[in-house]
Amino acid sequence: MSQTEIHFEESKWKLHDGSIHVHKMPSSRRLELIIKALKDILTTENKVDYMNRELPFWADEKIEEAIENLEFITEYDPTDEICDGEPPTTAAEIASASWKQHLELHS
């Protein structure tokens, strides 16, 4: 069954022990669905002649900006901020460095 609308409401159901379980879609997934919907809108609008479009002619640019901004959020990688641009040190590199230091101290 194809989905024709995006729903972000919480899903609630009662478990066998009587407690209620609440499932809320993660924010990142909701943003991904919004991006997909915006891309679908652009695709649909671009297939239609300008005279028959539902949205104003300038809307494409605004939608593309929105997609770009949302993708920036969903594709964010904090590694660069955490490591100050340096790649993370692996366990093997740490062990190798400490072994070299050990050898230097005891030689």
PDB file of N, CA and C in Angstrom:
ATOM      1  N   MET A   1       0.840  -1.166   0.000  1.00  0.00           N
ATOM      2  CA  MET A   1       0.000   0.000   0.000  1.00  0.00           C
ATOM      3  C   MET A   1       0.892   1.237   0.000  1.00  0.00           C
ATOM      4  N   SER A   2       0.632   2.168  -0.913  1.00  0.00           N
ATOM      5  CA  SER A   2       1.459   3.363  -0.972  1.00  0.00           C
ATOM      6  C   SER A   2       0.951   4.397   0.025  1.00  0.00           C
ATOM      7  N   GLN A   3       1.880   5.161   0.542  1.00  0.00           N
ATOM      8  CA  GLN A   3       1.529   6.171   1.525  1.00  0.00           C
ATOM      9  C   GLN A   3       1.241   7.472   0.792  1.00  0.00           C
ATOM     10  N   THR A   4       0.100   8.058   1.039  1.00  0.00           N
ATOM     11  CA  THR A   4      -0.267   9.295   0.370  1.00  0.00           C
ATOM     12  C   THR A   4      -0.108  10.510   1.266  1.00  0.00           C
ATOM     13  N   GLU A   5       0.077  10.306   2.549  1.00  0.00           N
ATOM     14  CA  GLU A   5       0.267  11.397   3.487  1.00  0.00           C
ATOM     15  C   GLU A   5       1.359  11.028   4.474  1.00  0.00           C
ATOM     16  N   ILE A   6       1.988  12.041   5.018  1.00  0.00           N
ATOM     17  CA  ILE A   6       3.003  11.823   6.051  1.00  0.00           C
ATOM     18  C   ILE A   6       2.334  12.042   7.394  1.00  0.00           C
ATOM     19  N   HIS A   7       2.418  11.054   8.269  1.00  0.00           N
ATOM     20  CA  HIS A   7       1.833  11.147   9.604  1.00  0.00           C
ATOM     21  C   HIS A   7       2.938  11.048  10.643  1.00  0.00           C
ATOM     22  N   PHE A   8       2.967  12.006  11.561  1.00  0.00           N
ATOM     23  CA  PHE A   8       3.986  12.010  12.601  1.00  0.00           C
ATOM     24  C   PHE A   8       3.406  11.809  13.990  1.00  0.00           C
ATOM     25  N   GLU A   9       2.135  11.441  14.066  1.00  0.00           N
ATOM     26  CA  GLU A   9       1.513  11.256  15.374  1.00  0.00           C
ATOM     27  C   GLU A   9       2.127  10.057  16.087  1.00  0.00           C
ATOM     28  N   GLU A  10       2.083  10.096  17.400  1.00  0.00           N
ATOM     29  CA  GLU A  10       2.569   8.974  18.200  1.00  0.00           C
ATOM     30  C   GLU A  10       1.637   7.780  18.018  1.00  0.00           C
ATOM     31  N   SER A  11       2.209   6.584  18.004  1.00  0.00           N
ATOM     32  CA  SER A  11       1.415   5.356  17.982  1.00  0.00           C
ATOM     33  C   SER A  11       1.348   4.829  19.406  1.00  0.00           C
ATOM     34  N   LYS A  12       0.151   4.522  19.860  1.00  0.00           N
ATOM     35  CA  LYS A  12      -0.025   4.000  21.217  1.00  0.00           C
ATOM     36  C   LYS A  12      -0.782   2.683  21.144  1.00  0.00           C
ATOM     37  N   TRP A  13      -0.336   1.715  21.927  1.00  0.00           N
ATOM     38  CA  TRP A  13      -1.073   0.465  22.049  1.00  0.00           C
ATOM     39  C   TRP A  13      -0.848  -0.133  23.424  1.00  0.00           C
ATOM     40  N   LYS A  14      -1.840  -0.897  23.824  1.00  0.00           N
ATOM     41  CA  LYS A  14      -1.819  -1.504  25.155  1.00  0.00           C
ATOM     42  C   LYS A  14      -1.131  -2.864  25.060  1.00  0.00           C
ATOM     43  N   LEU A  15      -0.192  -3.103  25.970  1.00  0.00           N
ATOM     44  CA  LEU A  15       0.521  -4.373  26.030  1.00  0.00           C
ATOM     45  C   LEU A  15      -0.273  -5.365  26.873  1.00  0.00           C
ATOM     46  N   HIS A  16       0.121  -6.638  26.797  1.00  0.00           N
ATOM     47  CA  HIS A  16      -0.609  -7.687  27.510  1.00  0.00           C
ATOM     48  C   HIS A  16      -0.620  -7.492  29.029  1.00  0.00           C
ATOM     49  N   ASP A  17       0.386  -6.772  29.556  1.00  0.00           N
ATOM     50  CA  ASP A  17       0.421  -6.525  31.003  1.00  0.00           C
ATOM     51  C   ASP A  17      -0.394  -5.294  31.411  1.00  0.00           C
ATOM     52  N   GLY A  18      -1.069  -4.666  30.450  1.00  0.00           N
ATOM     53  CA  GLY A  18      -1.915  -3.512  30.733  1.00  0.00           C
ATOM     54  C   GLY A  18      -1.225  -2.171  30.564  1.00  0.00           C
ATOM     55  N   SER A  19       0.105  -2.194  30.423  1.00  0.00           N
ATOM     56  CA  SER A  19       0.805  -0.920  30.235  1.00  0.00           C
ATOM     57  C   SER A  19       0.624  -0.435  28.797  1.00  0.00           C
ATOM     58  N   ILE A  20       0.821   0.845  28.613  1.00  0.00           N
ATOM     59  CA  ILE A  20       0.661   1.438  27.286  1.00  0.00           C
ATOM     60  C   ILE A  20       2.039   1.750  26.715  1.00  0.00           C
ATOM     61  N   HIS A  21       2.264   1.287  25.502  1.00  0.00           N
ATOM     62  CA  HIS A  21       3.522   1.544  24.807  1.00  0.00           C
ATOM     63  C   HIS A  21       3.290   2.690  23.818  1.00  0.00           C
ATOM     64  N   VAL A  22       4.195   3.671  23.842  1.00  0.00           N
ATOM     65  CA  VAL A  22       4.099   4.811  22.938  1.00  0.00           C
ATOM     66  C   VAL A  22       5.321   4.789  22.028  1.00  0.00           C
ATOM     67  N   HIS A  23       5.060   4.841  20.729  1.00  0.00           N
ATOM     68  CA  HIS A  23       6.151   4.895  19.758  1.00  0.00           C
ATOM     69  C   HIS A  23       6.066   6.211  19.017  1.00  0.00           C
ATOM     70  N   LYS A  24       7.153   6.956  19.048  1.00  0.00           N
ATOM     71  CA  LYS A  24       7.223   8.218  18.330  1.00  0.00           C
ATOM     72  C   LYS A  24       8.324   8.098  17.279  1.00  0.00           C
ATOM     73  N   MET A  25       8.021   8.486  16.056  1.00  0.00           N
ATOM     74  CA  MET A  25       8.998   8.408  14.981  1.00  0.00           C
ATOM     75  C   MET A  25      10.170   9.339  15.301  1.00  0.00           C
ATOM     76  N   PRO A  26      11.417   8.865  15.138  1.00  0.00           N
ATOM     77  CA  PRO A  26      12.584   9.710  15.410  1.00  0.00           C
ATOM     78  C   PRO A  26      12.589  10.949  14.512  1.00  0.00           C
ATOM     79  N   SER A  27      13.111  12.040  15.042  1.00  0.00           N
ATOM     80  CA  SER A  27      13.158  13.303  14.297  1.00  0.00           C
ATOM     81  C   SER A  27      13.920  13.162  12.993  1.00  0.00           C
ATOM     82  N   SER A  28      15.023  12.411  13.021  1.00  0.00           N
ATOM     83  CA  SER A  28      15.821  12.255  11.802  1.00  0.00           C
ATOM     84  C   SER A  28      15.014  11.553  10.706  1.00  0.00           C
ATOM     85  N   ARG A  29      14.210  10.571  11.075  1.00  0.00           N
ATOM     86  CA  ARG A  29      13.380   9.871  10.094  1.00  0.00           C
ATOM     87  C   ARG A  29      12.292  10.789   9.550  1.00  0.00           C
ATOM     88  N   ARG A  30      11.717  11.611  10.418  1.00  0.00           N
ATOM     89  CA  ARG A  30      10.694  12.554   9.961  1.00  0.00           C
ATOM     90  C   ARG A  30      11.284  13.536   8.960  1.00  0.00           C
ATOM     91  N   LEU A  31      12.508  14.021   9.234  1.00  0.00           N
ATOM     92  CA  LEU A  31      13.163  14.932   8.295  1.00  0.00           C
ATOM     93  C   LEU A  31      13.445  14.244   6.965  1.00  0.00           C
ATOM     94  N   GLU A  32      13.860  12.984   7.007  1.00  0.00           N
ATOM     95  CA  GLU A  32      14.098  12.240   5.762  1.00  0.00           C
ATOM     96  C   GLU A  32      12.821  12.131   4.929  1.00  0.00           C
ATOM     97  N   LEU A  33      11.701  11.890   5.589  1.00  0.00           N
ATOM     98  CA  LEU A  33      10.425  11.802   4.869  1.00  0.00           C
ATOM     99  C   LEU A  33      10.014  13.158   4.292  1.00  0.00           C
ATOM    100  N   ILE A  34      10.300  14.224   5.016  1.00  0.00           N
ATOM    101  CA  ILE A  34       9.996  15.563   4.508  1.00  0.00           C
ATOM    102  C   ILE A  34      10.851  15.860   3.278  1.00  0.00           C
ATOM    103  N   ILE A  35      12.128  15.504   3.334  1.00  0.00           N
ATOM    104  CA  ILE A  35      13.018  15.706   2.188  1.00  0.00           C
ATOM    105  C   ILE A  35      12.492  14.936   0.983  1.00  0.00           C
ATOM    106  N   LYS A  36      12.102  13.682   1.193  1.00  0.00           N
ATOM    107  CA  LYS A  36      11.569  12.857   0.106  1.00  0.00           C
ATOM    108  C   LYS A  36      10.306  13.491  -0.475  1.00  0.00           C
ATOM    109  N   ALA A  37       9.431  13.978   0.384  1.00  0.00           N
ATOM    110  CA  ALA A  37       8.191  14.608  -0.085  1.00  0.00           C
ATOM    111  C   ALA A  37       8.498  15.872  -0.885  1.00  0.00           C
ATOM    112  N   LEU A  38       9.450  16.677  -0.426  1.00  0.00           N
ATOM    113  CA  LEU A  38       9.813  17.890  -1.158  1.00  0.00           C
ATOM    114  C   LEU A  38      10.421  17.570  -2.517  1.00  0.00           C
ATOM    115  N   LYS A  39      11.245  16.524  -2.570  1.00  0.00           N
ATOM    116  CA  LYS A  39      11.816  16.114  -3.860  1.00  0.00           C
ATOM    117  C   LYS A  39      10.724  15.621  -4.806  1.00  0.00           C
ATOM    118  N   ASP A  40       9.752  14.900  -4.268  1.00  0.00           N
ATOM    119  CA  ASP A  40       8.622  14.440  -5.086  1.00  0.00           C
ATOM    120  C   ASP A  40       7.818  15.621  -5.626  1.00  0.00           C
ATOM    121  N   ILE A  41       7.641  16.645  -4.804  1.00  0.00           N
ATOM    122  CA  ILE A  41       6.925  17.839  -5.246  1.00  0.00           C
ATOM    123  C   ILE A  41       7.674  18.495  -6.405  1.00  0.00           C
ATOM    124  N   LEU A  42       8.990  18.632  -6.267  1.00  0.00           N
ATOM    125  CA  LEU A  42       9.784  19.225  -7.352  1.00  0.00           C
ATOM    126  C   LEU A  42       9.667  18.414  -8.635  1.00  0.00           C
ATOM    127  N   THR A  43       9.767  17.099  -8.510  1.00  0.00           N
ATOM    128  CA  THR A  43       9.663  16.228  -9.679  1.00  0.00           C
ATOM    129  C   THR A  43       8.315  16.399 -10.363  1.00  0.00           C
ATOM    130  N   THR A  44       7.255  16.405  -9.581  1.00  0.00           N
ATOM    131  CA  THR A  44       5.903  16.545 -10.128  1.00  0.00           C
ATOM    132  C   THR A  44       5.728  17.912 -10.785  1.00  0.00           C
ATOM    133  N   GLU A  45       6.157  18.956 -10.110  1.00  0.00           N
ATOM    134  CA  GLU A  45       6.005  20.315 -10.648  1.00  0.00           C
ATOM    135  C   GLU A  45       6.818  20.511 -11.931  1.00  0.00           C
ATOM    136  N   ASN A  46       7.997  19.884 -12.006  1.00  0.00           N
ATOM    137  CA  ASN A  46       8.843  20.040 -13.188  1.00  0.00           C
ATOM    138  C   ASN A  46       8.315  19.278 -14.406  1.00  0.00           C
ATOM    139  N   LYS A  47       7.418  18.327 -14.198  1.00  0.00           N
ATOM    140  CA  LYS A  47       6.819  17.583 -15.308  1.00  0.00           C
ATOM    141  C   LYS A  47       5.662  18.350 -15.943  1.00  0.00           C
ATOM    142  N   VAL A  48       5.143  19.346 -15.223  1.00  0.00           N
ATOM    143  CA  VAL A  48       3.967  20.085 -15.674  1.00  0.00           C
ATOM    144  C   VAL A  48       4.397  21.374 -16.376  1.00  0.00           C
ATOM    145  N   ASP A  49       3.666  21.770 -17.385  1.00  0.00           N
ATOM    146  CA  ASP A  49       3.908  23.026 -18.075  1.00  0.00           C
ATOM    147  C   ASP A  49       3.756  24.183 -17.085  1.00  0.00           C
ATOM    148  N   TYR A  50       4.568  25.235 -17.239  1.00  0.00           N
ATOM    149  CA  TYR A  50       4.537  26.358 -16.304  1.00  0.00           C
ATOM    150  C   TYR A  50       3.142  26.955 -16.126  1.00  0.00           C
ATOM    151  N   MET A  51       2.349  26.952 -17.151  1.00  0.00           N
ATOM    152  CA  MET A  51       1.008  27.540 -17.059  1.00  0.00           C
ATOM    153  C   MET A  51       0.061  26.690 -16.210  1.00  0.00           C
ATOM    154  N   ASN A  52       0.377  25.410 -16.048  1.00  0.00           N
ATOM    155  CA  ASN A  52      -0.504  24.497 -15.316  1.00  0.00           C
ATOM    156  C   ASN A  52       0.036  24.100 -13.939  1.00  0.00           C
ATOM    157  N   ARG A  53       1.085  24.735 -13.498  1.00  0.00           N
ATOM    158  CA  ARG A  53       1.683  24.388 -12.211  1.00  0.00           C
ATOM    159  C   ARG A  53       0.820  24.871 -11.059  1.00  0.00           C
ATOM    160  N   GLU A  54       0.873  24.128  -9.958  1.00  0.00           N
ATOM    161  CA  GLU A  54       0.139  24.519  -8.751  1.00  0.00           C
ATOM    162  C   GLU A  54       0.889  25.580  -7.956  1.00  0.00           C
ATOM    163  N   LEU A  55       2.218  25.522  -7.987  1.00  0.00           N
ATOM    164  CA  LEU A  55       3.046  26.426  -7.185  1.00  0.00           C
ATOM    165  C   LEU A  55       3.578  27.571  -8.040  1.00  0.00           C
ATOM    166  N   PRO A  56       3.899  28.710  -7.427  1.00  0.00           N
ATOM    167  CA  PRO A  56       4.468  29.826  -8.176  1.00  0.00           C
ATOM    168  C   PRO A  56       5.812  29.435  -8.805  1.00  0.00           C
ATOM    169  N   PHE A  57       6.206  30.133  -9.847  1.00  0.00           N
ATOM    170  CA  PHE A  57       7.428  29.789 -10.574  1.00  0.00           C
ATOM    171  C   PHE A  57       8.674  29.869  -9.701  1.00  0.00           C
ATOM    172  N   TRP A  58       8.676  30.733  -8.690  1.00  0.00           N
ATOM    173  CA  TRP A  58       9.838  30.898  -7.830  1.00  0.00           C
ATOM    174  C   TRP A  58       9.907  29.848  -6.714  1.00  0.00           C
ATOM    175  N   ALA A  59       8.891  29.019  -6.575  1.00  0.00           N
ATOM    176  CA  ALA A  59       8.831  28.050  -5.471  1.00  0.00           C
ATOM    177  C   ALA A  59       9.930  26.987  -5.575  1.00  0.00           C
ATOM    178  N   ASP A  60      10.316  26.629  -6.807  1.00  0.00           N
ATOM    179  CA  ASP A  60      11.359  25.602  -6.981  1.00  0.00           C
ATOM    180  C   ASP A  60      12.625  25.972  -6.210  1.00  0.00           C
ATOM    181  N   GLU A  61      13.037  27.209  -6.350  1.00  0.00           N
ATOM    182  CA  GLU A  61      14.269  27.655  -5.697  1.00  0.00           C
ATOM    183  C   GLU A  61      14.155  27.566  -4.176  1.00  0.00           C
ATOM    184  N   LYS A  62      13.020  27.956  -3.640  1.00  0.00           N
ATOM    185  CA  LYS A  62      12.808  27.908  -2.190  1.00  0.00           C
ATOM    186  C   LYS A  62      12.767  26.466  -1.688  1.00  0.00           C
ATOM    187  N   ILE A  63      12.124  25.583  -2.453  1.00  0.00           N
ATOM    188  CA  ILE A  63      12.055  24.166  -2.067  1.00  0.00           C
ATOM    189  C   ILE A  63      13.443  23.543  -2.112  1.00  0.00           C
ATOM    190  N   GLU A  64      14.224  23.877  -3.140  1.00  0.00           N
ATOM    191  CA  GLU A  64      15.591  23.352  -3.242  1.00  0.00           C
ATOM    192  C   GLU A  64      16.447  23.825  -2.073  1.00  0.00           C
ATOM    193  N   GLU A  65      16.277  25.090  -1.665  1.00  0.00           N
ATOM    194  CA  GLU A  65      16.998  25.602  -0.492  1.00  0.00           C
ATOM    195  C   GLU A  65      16.589  24.845   0.765  1.00  0.00           C
ATOM    196  N   ALA A  66      15.300  24.583   0.902  1.00  0.00           N
ATOM    197  CA  ALA A  66      14.806  23.842   2.071  1.00  0.00           C
ATOM    198  C   ALA A  66      15.396  22.441   2.096  1.00  0.00           C
ATOM    199  N   ILE A  67      15.424  21.776   0.950  1.00  0.00           N
ATOM    200  CA  ILE A  67      16.005  20.427   0.859  1.00  0.00           C
ATOM    201  C   ILE A  67      17.475  20.470   1.256  1.00  0.00           C
ATOM    202  N   GLU A  68      18.200  21.443   0.733  1.00  0.00           N
ATOM    203  CA  GLU A  68      19.626  21.566   1.042  1.00  0.00           C
ATOM    204  C   GLU A  68      19.844  21.771   2.541  1.00  0.00           C
ATOM    205  N   ASN A  69      19.045  22.623   3.155  1.00  0.00           N
ATOM    206  CA  ASN A  69      19.178  22.873   4.590  1.00  0.00           C
ATOM    207  C   ASN A  69      18.825  21.640   5.416  1.00  0.00           C
ATOM    208  N   LEU A  70      17.780  20.929   5.034  1.00  0.00           N
ATOM    209  CA  LEU A  70      17.390  19.727   5.769  1.00  0.00           C
ATOM    210  C   LEU A  70      18.422  18.610   5.589  1.00  0.00           C
ATOM    211  N   GLU A  71      18.976  18.482   4.388  1.00  0.00           N
ATOM    212  CA  GLU A  71      20.020  17.477   4.162  1.00  0.00           C
ATOM    213  C   GLU A  71      21.269  17.804   4.969  1.00  0.00           C
ATOM    214  N   PHE A  72      21.564  19.087   5.149  1.00  0.00           N
ATOM    215  CA  PHE A  72      22.699  19.478   5.975  1.00  0.00           C
ATOM    216  C   PHE A  72      22.513  18.963   7.395  1.00  0.00           C
ATOM    217  N   ILE A  73      21.275  19.034   7.884  1.00  0.00           N
ATOM    218  CA  ILE A  73      20.971  18.553   9.229  1.00  0.00           C
ATOM    219  C   ILE A  73      21.053  17.039   9.297  1.00  0.00           C
ATOM    220  N   THR A  74      20.444  16.340   8.340  1.00  0.00           N
ATOM    221  CA  THR A  74      20.384  14.877   8.409  1.00  0.00           C
ATOM    222  C   THR A  74      21.722  14.217   8.099  1.00  0.00           C
ATOM    223  N   GLU A  75      22.583  14.895   7.347  1.00  0.00           N
ATOM    224  CA  GLU A  75      23.879  14.317   6.981  1.00  0.00           C
ATOM    225  C   GLU A  75      25.014  14.842   7.859  1.00  0.00           C
ATOM    226  N   TYR A  76      24.668  15.538   8.927  1.00  0.00           N
ATOM    227  CA  TYR A  76      25.657  16.129   9.831  1.00  0.00           C
ATOM    228  C   TYR A  76      26.519  15.044  10.465  1.00  0.00           C
ATOM    229  N   ASP A  77      27.827  15.285  10.475  1.00  0.00           N
ATOM    230  CA  ASP A  77      28.771  14.358  11.094  1.00  0.00           C
ATOM    231  C   ASP A  77      29.599  15.132  12.118  1.00  0.00           C
ATOM    232  N   PRO A  78      29.404  14.871  13.403  1.00  0.00           N
ATOM    233  CA  PRO A  78      30.119  15.640  14.434  1.00  0.00           C
ATOM    234  C   PRO A  78      31.592  15.280  14.569  1.00  0.00           C
ATOM    235  N   THR A  79      32.073  14.317  13.804  1.00  0.00           N
ATOM    236  CA  THR A  79      33.460  13.859  13.928  1.00  0.00           C
ATOM    237  C   THR A  79      34.439  15.004  13.760  1.00  0.00           C
ATOM    238  N   ASP A  80      34.211  15.869  12.772  1.00  0.00           N
ATOM    239  CA  ASP A  80      35.142  16.971  12.535  1.00  0.00           C
ATOM    240  C   ASP A  80      35.225  17.913  13.729  1.00  0.00           C
ATOM    241  N   GLU A  81      34.108  18.182  14.372  1.00  0.00           N
ATOM    242  CA  GLU A  81      34.114  19.072  15.529  1.00  0.00           C
ATOM    243  C   GLU A  81      34.786  18.410  16.730  1.00  0.00           C
ATOM    244  N   ILE A  82      34.535  17.130  16.913  1.00  0.00           N
ATOM    245  CA  ILE A  82      35.093  16.408  18.056  1.00  0.00           C
ATOM    246  C   ILE A  82      36.607  16.273  17.913  1.00  0.00           C
ATOM    247  N   CYS A  83      37.082  16.009  16.712  1.00  0.00           N
ATOM    248  CA  CYS A  83      38.499  15.725  16.476  1.00  0.00           C
ATOM    249  C   CYS A  83      39.276  16.933  15.961  1.00  0.00           C
ATOM    250  N   ASP A  84      38.667  18.101  15.913  1.00  0.00           N
ATOM    251  CA  ASP A  84      39.321  19.310  15.392  1.00  0.00           C
ATOM    252  C   ASP A  84      39.895  19.074  14.000  1.00  0.00           C
ATOM    253  N   GLY A  85      39.186  18.349  13.172  1.00  0.00           N
ATOM    254  CA  GLY A  85      39.622  18.116  11.806  1.00  0.00           C
ATOM    255  C   GLY A  85      40.581  16.954  11.641  1.00  0.00           C
ATOM    256  N   GLU A  86      41.103  16.434  12.737  1.00  0.00           N
ATOM    257  CA  GLU A  86      42.025  15.302  12.678  1.00  0.00           C
ATOM    258  C   GLU A  86      41.218  14.004  12.647  1.00  0.00           C
ATOM    259  N   PRO A  87      41.686  13.015  11.904  1.00  0.00           N
ATOM    260  CA  PRO A  87      40.980  11.731  11.931  1.00  0.00           C
ATOM    261  C   PRO A  87      41.125  11.087  13.306  1.00  0.00           C
ATOM    262  N   PRO A  88      40.139  10.316  13.734  1.00  0.00           N
ATOM    263  CA  PRO A  88      40.223   9.696  15.061  1.00  0.00           C
ATOM    264  C   PRO A  88      41.380   8.702  15.148  1.00  0.00           C
ATOM    265  N   THR A  89      41.948   8.600  16.339  1.00  0.00           N
ATOM    266  CA  THR A  89      43.043   7.665  16.589  1.00  0.00           C
ATOM    267  C   THR A  89      42.464   6.291  16.865  1.00  0.00           C
ATOM    268  N   THR A  90      43.012   5.289  16.200  1.00  0.00           N
ATOM    269  CA  THR A  90      42.516   3.922  16.399  1.00  0.00           C
ATOM    270  C   THR A  90      43.230   3.280  17.586  1.00  0.00           C
ATOM    271  N   ALA A  91      42.671   2.212  18.066  1.00  0.00           N
ATOM    272  CA  ALA A  91      43.278   1.481  19.183  1.00  0.00           C
ATOM    273  C   ALA A  91      44.659   0.950  18.800  1.00  0.00           C
ATOM    274  N   ALA A  92      44.806   0.516  17.556  1.00  0.00           N
ATOM    275  CA  ALA A  92      46.097  -0.001  17.094  1.00  0.00           C
ATOM    276  C   ALA A  92      47.162   1.102  17.109  1.00  0.00           C
ATOM    277  N   GLU A  93      46.781   2.315  16.713  1.00  0.00           N
ATOM    278  CA  GLU A  93      47.726   3.430  16.720  1.00  0.00           C
ATOM    279  C   GLU A  93      48.142   3.784  18.145  1.00  0.00           C
ATOM    280  N   ILE A  94      47.187   3.753  19.056  1.00  0.00           N
ATOM    281  CA  ILE A  94      47.493   4.050  20.456  1.00  0.00           C
ATOM    282  C   ILE A  94      48.448   3.000  21.021  1.00  0.00           C
ATOM    283  N   ALA A  95      48.172   1.732  20.753  1.00  0.00           N
ATOM    284  CA  ALA A  95      49.024   0.646  21.257  1.00  0.00           C
ATOM    285  C   ALA A  95      50.421   0.740  20.656  1.00  0.00           C
ATOM    286  N   SER A  96      50.507   1.046  19.377  1.00  0.00           N
ATOM    287  CA  SER A  96      51.797   1.162  18.709  1.00  0.00           C
ATOM    288  C   SER A  96      52.612   2.308  19.293  1.00  0.00           C
ATOM    289  N   ALA A  97      51.956   3.448  19.506  1.00  0.00           N
ATOM    290  CA  ALA A  97      52.652   4.604  20.070  1.00  0.00           C
ATOM    291  C   ALA A  97      53.129   4.328  21.490  1.00  0.00           C
ATOM    292  N   SER A  98      52.287   3.684  22.295  1.00  0.00           N
ATOM    293  CA  SER A  98      52.705   3.418  23.672  1.00  0.00           C
ATOM    294  C   SER A  98      53.811   2.364  23.709  1.00  0.00           C
ATOM    295  N   TRP A  99      53.814   1.408  22.792  1.00  0.00           N
ATOM    296  CA  TRP A  99      54.879   0.400  22.738  1.00  0.00           C
ATOM    297  C   TRP A  99      56.194   1.059  22.353  1.00  0.00           C
ATOM    298  N   LYS A 100      56.160   1.985  21.395  1.00  0.00           N
ATOM    299  CA  LYS A 100      57.378   2.707  21.006  1.00  0.00           C
ATOM    300  C   LYS A 100      57.901   3.522  22.185  1.00  0.00           C
ATOM    301  N   GLN A 101      57.019   4.176  22.904  1.00  0.00           N
ATOM    302  CA  GLN A 101      57.425   4.955  24.068  1.00  0.00           C
ATOM    303  C   GLN A 101      58.032   4.046  25.133  1.00  0.00           C
ATOM    304  N   HIS A 102      57.449   2.877  25.333  1.00  0.00           N
ATOM    305  CA  HIS A 102      57.974   1.911  26.292  1.00  0.00           C
ATOM    306  C   HIS A 102      59.386   1.491  25.918  1.00  0.00           C
ATOM    307  N   LEU A 103      59.595   1.187  24.641  1.00  0.00           N
ATOM    308  CA  LEU A 103      60.922   0.770  24.182  1.00  0.00           C
ATOM    309  C   LEU A 103      61.944   1.878  24.362  1.00  0.00           C
ATOM    310  N   GLU A 104      61.553   3.101  24.097  1.00  0.00           N
ATOM    311  CA  GLU A 104      62.475   4.244  24.239  1.00  0.00           C
ATOM    312  C   GLU A 104      62.868   4.452  25.710  1.00  0.00           C
ATOM    313  N   LEU A 105      61.902   4.279  26.589  1.00  0.00           N
ATOM    314  CA  LEU A 105      62.176   4.499  28.008  1.00  0.00           C
ATOM    315  C   LEU A 105      63.050   3.407  28.602  1.00  0.00           C
ATOM    316  N   HIS A 106      62.956   2.220  28.076  1.00  0.00           N
ATOM    317  CA  HIS A 106      63.693   1.076  28.659  1.00  0.00           C
ATOM    318  C   HIS A 106      64.879   0.645  27.797  1.00  0.00           C
ATOM    319  N   SER A 107      65.319   1.499  26.911  1.00  0.00           N
ATOM    320  CA  SER A 107      66.489   1.148  26.084  1.00  0.00           C
ATOM    321  C   SER A 107      67.741   1.758  26.638  1.00  0.00           C
TER     322      SER A 107
END
